[in-house]
Amino acid sequence: MQRFAAIAMLFALACNGGIKADDLLPRLRKDYEDCVYRSARSQGASTSDGIELAFQACQSNEQAIITHLTALGMAQATVEKTLKAFRLRLQKTLR
């Protein structure tokens, strides 16, 4: 069900805003980053556990990125590496 919601969100964004597929990833990434920063700030997250809770709070944003990259034909291993890079960069800025 959550996967369907993410796909529906991507479709709605692409149709409503005239967003090209190439333009969607930066927006999804920014939404994900903003969510993680907001969640971390609201929890006072500066520990590993707190940062992990922030990532968990933003799973729907992360799923939207996964869905988008998969729809573009990116291999699962590459999608995982991309998300790992996003998370690592966010962890560094949150500490």
Protein backbone atom coordinates (compact mmCIF):
# COMPACT_ATOMS: atom_id res chain seq x y z
CA MET A 1 0.00 0.00 0.00
CA GLN A 2 2.80 2.42 0.90
CA ARG A 3 4.53 1.63 -2.40
CA PHE A 4 1.32 2.44 -4.27
CA ALA A 5 1.07 5.76 -2.44
CA ALA A 6 4.65 6.63 -3.42
CA ILE A 7 3.98 5.76 -7.06
CA ALA A 8 0.78 7.80 -7.02
CA MET A 9 2.67 10.75 -5.52
CA LEU A 10 5.34 10.58 -8.21
CA PHE A 11 2.72 10.40 -10.93
CA ALA A 12 0.81 13.34 -9.48
CA LEU A 13 3.97 15.44 -9.21
CA ALA A 14 4.99 14.65 -12.76
CA CYS A 15 1.54 15.39 -14.20
CA ASN A 16 0.53 18.41 -12.15
CA GLY A 17 3.71 20.42 -12.28
CA GLY A 18 4.87 19.49 -15.74
CA ILE A 19 7.97 18.11 -14.05
CA LYS A 20 10.30 16.14 -16.24
CA ALA A 21 11.71 12.88 -14.88
CA ASP A 22 15.18 14.48 -14.83
CA ASP A 23 13.89 17.31 -12.65
CA LEU A 24 12.08 15.07 -10.18
CA LEU A 25 15.04 13.50 -8.38
CA PRO A 26 16.46 16.79 -7.05
CA ARG A 27 13.02 17.71 -5.71
CA LEU A 28 12.55 14.28 -4.11
CA ARG A 29 16.03 14.46 -2.61
CA LYS A 30 15.37 17.93 -1.18
CA ASP A 31 12.06 16.79 0.29
CA TYR A 32 13.85 13.82 1.88
CA GLU A 33 16.64 16.00 3.27
CA ASP A 34 14.16 18.55 4.64
CA CYS A 35 12.18 15.77 6.30
CA VAL A 36 15.30 14.29 7.93
CA TYR A 37 16.51 17.70 9.13
CA ARG A 38 13.06 18.58 10.57
CA SER A 39 12.74 15.22 12.27
CA ALA A 40 16.26 15.34 13.69
CA ARG A 41 15.74 18.89 14.95
CA SER A 42 12.42 18.04 16.61
CA GLN A 43 14.03 15.06 18.36
CA GLY A 44 17.25 16.83 19.22
CA ALA A 45 19.02 14.10 17.31
CA SER A 46 22.77 14.28 17.51
CA THR A 47 23.37 10.66 18.46
CA SER A 48 23.39 7.71 16.09
CA ASP A 49 20.10 6.48 17.53
CA GLY A 50 18.48 9.88 17.11
CA ILE A 51 19.67 10.19 13.54
CA GLU A 52 18.36 6.70 12.77
CA LEU A 53 14.97 7.71 14.18
CA ALA A 54 14.98 10.71 11.84
CA PHE A 55 15.61 8.42 8.87
CA GLN A 56 12.80 6.12 10.00
CA ALA A 57 10.44 9.08 10.26
CA CYS A 58 11.13 9.89 6.60
CA GLN A 59 10.70 6.43 5.10
CA SER A 60 7.92 7.55 2.77
CA ASN A 61 10.24 10.19 1.28
CA GLU A 62 12.95 7.58 0.88
CA GLN A 63 10.47 5.20 -0.76
CA ALA A 64 9.54 7.91 -3.27
CA ILE A 65 13.21 8.15 -4.29
CA ILE A 66 13.46 4.37 -4.60
CA THR A 67 10.31 4.24 -6.72
CA HIS A 68 11.53 7.04 -8.98
CA LEU A 69 14.99 5.58 -9.54
CA THR A 70 13.54 2.13 -10.17
CA ALA A 71 11.05 3.57 -12.67
CA LEU A 72 13.97 5.17 -14.50
CA GLY A 73 15.48 1.70 -14.85
CA MET A 74 18.25 2.01 -12.28
CA ALA A 75 19.53 -1.31 -10.97
CA GLN A 76 18.59 -2.16 -7.38
CA ALA A 77 22.25 -2.21 -6.29
CA THR A 78 22.74 1.28 -7.73
CA VAL A 79 19.58 2.53 -6.02
CA GLU A 80 20.88 1.20 -2.70
CA LYS A 81 24.29 2.86 -3.24
CA THR A 82 22.58 6.14 -4.09
CA LEU A 83 20.47 6.06 -0.93
CA LYS A 84 23.47 5.09 1.15
CA ALA A 85 25.32 8.13 -0.21
CA PHE A 86 22.33 10.40 0.58
CA ARG A 87 22.14 9.04 4.13
CA LEU A 88 25.87 9.27 4.74
CA ARG A 89 25.97 12.90 3.67
CA LEU A 90 22.99 13.69 5.89
CA GLN A 91 24.59 11.90 8.85
CA LYS A 92 27.73 14.00 8.47
CA THR A 93 25.77 17.25 8.47
CA LEU A 94 23.67 16.22 11.48
CA ARG A 95 26.64 15.44 13.75
